[in-house]
C-alpha atoms as a PDB file:
ATOM      1  CA  GLN A   1     151.508 137.633 150.674  1.00  0.00           C
ATOM      2  CA  VAL A   2     148.614 136.598 148.465  1.00  0.00           C
ATOM      3  CA  VAL A   3     148.343 137.377 144.791  1.00  0.00           C
ATOM      4  CA  LEU A   4     144.985 137.122 143.071  1.00  0.00           C
ATOM      5  CA  VAL A   5     144.738 136.595 139.345  1.00  0.00           C
ATOM      6  CA  GLU A   6     141.379 137.044 137.675  1.00  0.00           C
ATOM      7  CA  SER A   7     140.095 135.843 134.370  1.00  0.00           C
ATOM      8  CA  GLY A   8     136.860 136.201 132.513  1.00  0.00           C
ATOM      9  CA  GLY A   9     134.800 139.263 132.007  1.00  0.00           C
ATOM     10  CA  GLY A  10     133.904 140.879 128.759  1.00  0.00           C
ATOM     11  CA  LEU A  11     130.992 142.208 126.796  1.00  0.00           C
ATOM     12  CA  VAL A  12     127.692 140.365 126.700  1.00  0.00           C
ATOM     13  CA  GLN A  13     124.130 141.158 125.808  1.00  0.00           C
ATOM     14  CA  ALA A  14     121.423 141.407 128.414  1.00  0.00           C
ATOM     15  CA  GLY A  15     120.214 137.967 129.366  1.00  0.00           C
ATOM     16  CA  GLY A  16     123.565 136.408 128.638  1.00  0.00           C
ATOM     17  CA  SER A  17     126.037 134.753 130.944  1.00  0.00           C
ATOM     18  CA  LEU A  18     129.631 135.112 132.003  1.00  0.00           C
ATOM     19  CA  ARG A  19     131.826 133.178 134.350  1.00  0.00           C
ATOM     20  CA  LEU A  20     134.545 134.923 136.298  1.00  0.00           C
ATOM     21  CA  SER A  21     137.333 133.039 137.958  1.00  0.00           C
ATOM     22  CA  CYS A  22     140.040 133.937 140.405  1.00  0.00           C
ATOM     23  CA  ALA A  23     143.103 132.015 141.459  1.00  0.00           C
ATOM     24  CA  ALA A  24     145.143 132.833 144.514  1.00  0.00           C
ATOM     25  CA  SER A  25     148.810 132.139 144.931  1.00  0.00           C
ATOM     26  CA  GLY A  26     151.335 132.766 147.637  1.00  0.00           C
ATOM     27  CA  SER A  27     150.335 132.330 151.266  1.00  0.00           C
ATOM     28  CA  VAL A  28     147.060 130.626 150.437  1.00  0.00           C
ATOM     29  CA  SER A  29     146.861 128.983 153.855  1.00  0.00           C
ATOM     30  CA  GLY A  30     146.153 132.428 155.216  1.00  0.00           C
ATOM     31  CA  ILE A  31     142.995 132.839 153.150  1.00  0.00           C
ATOM     32  CA  HIS A  32     139.838 132.483 155.192  1.00  0.00           C
ATOM     33  CA  GLY A  33     137.387 133.432 152.509  1.00  0.00           C
ATOM     34  CA  MET A  34     137.041 134.771 149.021  1.00  0.00           C
ATOM     35  CA  GLY A  35     134.515 136.847 147.225  1.00  0.00           C
ATOM     36  CA  TRP A  36     133.682 139.228 144.454  1.00  0.00           C
ATOM     37  CA  TYR A  37     133.090 142.936 144.610  1.00  0.00           C
ATOM     38  CA  ARG A  38     132.080 145.291 141.873  1.00  0.00           C
ATOM     39  CA  GLN A  39     132.212 148.983 141.272  1.00  0.00           C
ATOM     40  CA  ALA A  40     130.060 150.707 138.717  1.00  0.00           C
ATOM     41  CA  PRO A  41     130.692 154.246 137.500  1.00  0.00           C
ATOM     42  CA  GLY A  42     129.614 156.769 140.099  1.00  0.00           C
ATOM     43  CA  LYS A  43     128.955 154.118 142.717  1.00  0.00           C
ATOM     44  CA  GLN A  44     130.798 152.719 145.682  1.00  0.00           C
ATOM     45  CA  ARG A  45     132.370 149.326 145.530  1.00  0.00           C
ATOM     46  CA  GLU A  46     129.911 146.723 146.745  1.00  0.00           C
ATOM     47  CA  LEU A  47     130.059 143.111 147.754  1.00  0.00           C
ATOM     48  CA  VAL A  48     128.500 140.878 145.129  1.00  0.00           C
ATOM     49  CA  ALA A  49     129.055 137.458 146.648  1.00  0.00           C
ATOM     50  CA  SER A  50     131.379 135.757 149.068  1.00  0.00           C
ATOM     51  CA  VAL A  51     132.165 132.324 150.407  1.00  0.00           C
ATOM     52  CA  GLY A  52     134.012 131.498 153.592  1.00  0.00           C
ATOM     53  CA  ASN A  53     136.087 128.493 154.517  1.00  0.00           C
ATOM     54  CA  GLY A  54     133.027 126.876 156.042  1.00  0.00           C
ATOM     55  CA  GLY A  55     131.210 127.105 152.730  1.00  0.00           C
ATOM     56  CA  ILE A  56     128.820 129.814 153.839  1.00  0.00           C
ATOM     57  CA  THR A  57     127.820 132.011 150.929  1.00  0.00           C
ATOM     58  CA  ASN A  58     126.464 135.503 150.874  1.00  0.00           C
ATOM     59  CA  TYR A  59     124.931 137.418 147.990  1.00  0.00           C
ATOM     60  CA  ALA A  60     123.857 140.925 147.330  1.00  0.00           C
ATOM     61  CA  ASP A  61     120.098 141.146 146.982  1.00  0.00           C
ATOM     62  CA  SER A  62     120.475 142.446 143.460  1.00  0.00           C
ATOM     63  CA  VAL A  63     122.135 139.249 142.241  1.00  0.00           C
ATOM     64  CA  LYS A  64     120.354 136.559 144.216  1.00  0.00           C
ATOM     65  CA  GLY A  65     118.958 133.896 141.953  1.00  0.00           C
ATOM     66  CA  ARG A  66     121.147 134.992 139.059  1.00  0.00           C
ATOM     67  CA  PHE A  67     124.716 134.711 140.294  1.00  0.00           C
ATOM     68  CA  THR A  68     126.366 131.730 141.905  1.00  0.00           C
ATOM     69  CA  ILE A  69     129.672 131.787 143.711  1.00  0.00           C
ATOM     70  CA  SER A  70     131.667 128.613 144.014  1.00  0.00           C
ATOM     71  CA  ARG A  71     134.974 127.732 145.541  1.00  0.00           C
ATOM     72  CA  ASP A  72     136.561 124.671 144.021  1.00  0.00           C
ATOM     73  CA  ASN A  73     139.393 124.586 146.515  1.00  0.00           C
ATOM     74  CA  LYS A  74     141.225 126.764 148.969  1.00  0.00           C
ATOM     75  CA  ASN A  75     142.662 129.096 146.399  1.00  0.00           C
ATOM     76  CA  THR A  76     140.139 129.322 143.586  1.00  0.00           C
ATOM     77  CA  VAL A  77     136.772 130.979 143.359  1.00  0.00           C
ATOM     78  CA  SER A  78     134.378 131.502 140.496  1.00  0.00           C
ATOM     79  CA  LEU A  79     131.327 133.610 139.899  1.00  0.00           C
ATOM     80  CA  GLN A  80     128.759 132.306 137.471  1.00  0.00           C
ATOM     81  CA  MET A  81     126.654 135.205 136.271  1.00  0.00           C
ATOM     82  CA  ASN A  82     123.423 134.395 134.493  1.00  0.00           C
ATOM     83  CA  SER A  83     120.579 136.550 133.251  1.00  0.00           C
ATOM     84  CA  LEU A  84     122.863 139.525 133.145  1.00  0.00           C
ATOM     85  CA  LYS A  85     121.361 142.977 133.202  1.00  0.00           C
ATOM     86  CA  PRO A  86     122.810 146.291 132.061  1.00  0.00           C
ATOM     87  CA  GLU A  87     122.971 147.372 135.680  1.00  0.00           C
ATOM     88  CA  ASP A  88     125.459 144.575 136.300  1.00  0.00           C
ATOM     89  CA  THR A  89     127.976 146.530 134.275  1.00  0.00           C
ATOM     90  CA  ALA A  90     130.944 147.220 136.509  1.00  0.00           C
ATOM     91  CA  VAL A  91     134.520 146.386 137.219  1.00  0.00           C
ATOM     92  CA  TYR A  92     134.534 143.163 139.189  1.00  0.00           C
ATOM     93  CA  TYR A  93     137.248 142.547 141.743  1.00  0.00           C
ATOM     94  CA  CYS A  94     138.290 139.306 143.327  1.00  0.00           C
ATOM     95  CA  ASN A  95     138.817 139.550 147.056  1.00  0.00           C
ATOM     96  CA  ALA A  96     140.399 137.297 149.634  1.00  0.00           C
ATOM     97  CA  TRP A  97     140.580 137.942 153.322  1.00  0.00           C
ATOM     98  CA  ASN A  98     142.325 136.879 156.482  1.00  0.00           C
ATOM     99  CA  ASP A  99     140.314 137.298 159.663  1.00  0.00           C
ATOM    100  CA  TRP A 100     143.203 136.864 162.067  1.00  0.00           C
ATOM    101  CA  TYR A 101     145.209 139.754 160.709  1.00  0.00           C
ATOM    102  CA  SER A 102     142.401 141.796 159.169  1.00  0.00           C
ATOM    103  CA  ARG A 103     144.070 141.597 155.799  1.00  0.00           C
ATOM    104  CA  ASP A 104     142.405 141.934 152.453  1.00  0.00           C
ATOM    105  CA  TYR A 105     143.834 141.035 149.094  1.00  0.00           C
ATOM    106  CA  TRP A 106     142.532 142.262 145.781  1.00  0.00           C
ATOM    107  CA  GLY A 107     142.734 141.288 142.184  1.00  0.00           C
ATOM    108  CA  GLN A 108     143.352 143.772 139.437  1.00  0.00           C
ATOM    109  CA  GLY A 109     139.712 143.912 138.403  1.00  0.00           C
ATOM    110  CA  THR A 110     137.993 142.728 135.269  1.00  0.00           C
ATOM    111  CA  GLN A 111     135.460 144.666 133.261  1.00  0.00           C
ATOM    112  CA  VAL A 112     131.991 143.264 132.771  1.00  0.00           C
ATOM    113  CA  THR A 113     129.826 145.151 130.336  1.00  0.00           C
ATOM    114  CA  VAL A 114     126.231 144.181 129.658  1.00  0.00           C
ATOM    115  CA  SER A 115     124.541 145.793 126.708  1.00  0.00           C
ATOM    116  CA  SER A 116     120.804 146.167 126.394  1.00  0.00           C
END
């Protein structure tokens, strides 16, 4: 079992920055990749950014050039969010996955609110 603990998030003005972090504990050897999702009111949860064990990153088009995902080690991942826009307002969820067993693990979510 993997437990994800998130930190960061909060209220910032448009153009500001936030850094989210996520630490995994438990069966971390079973984590193949980690990423961040977000869900805004009235919208489906969407992938924001992800990074696999091979270091391959993926970003949503809406955040390219503004957000940077980094994975310091096997069980930690961060999301640096710059030039924040009001439309970035959402609950952000840390995600970790295991490809062999098709398992996904989720953090509790952290609120990011960007005011205009």
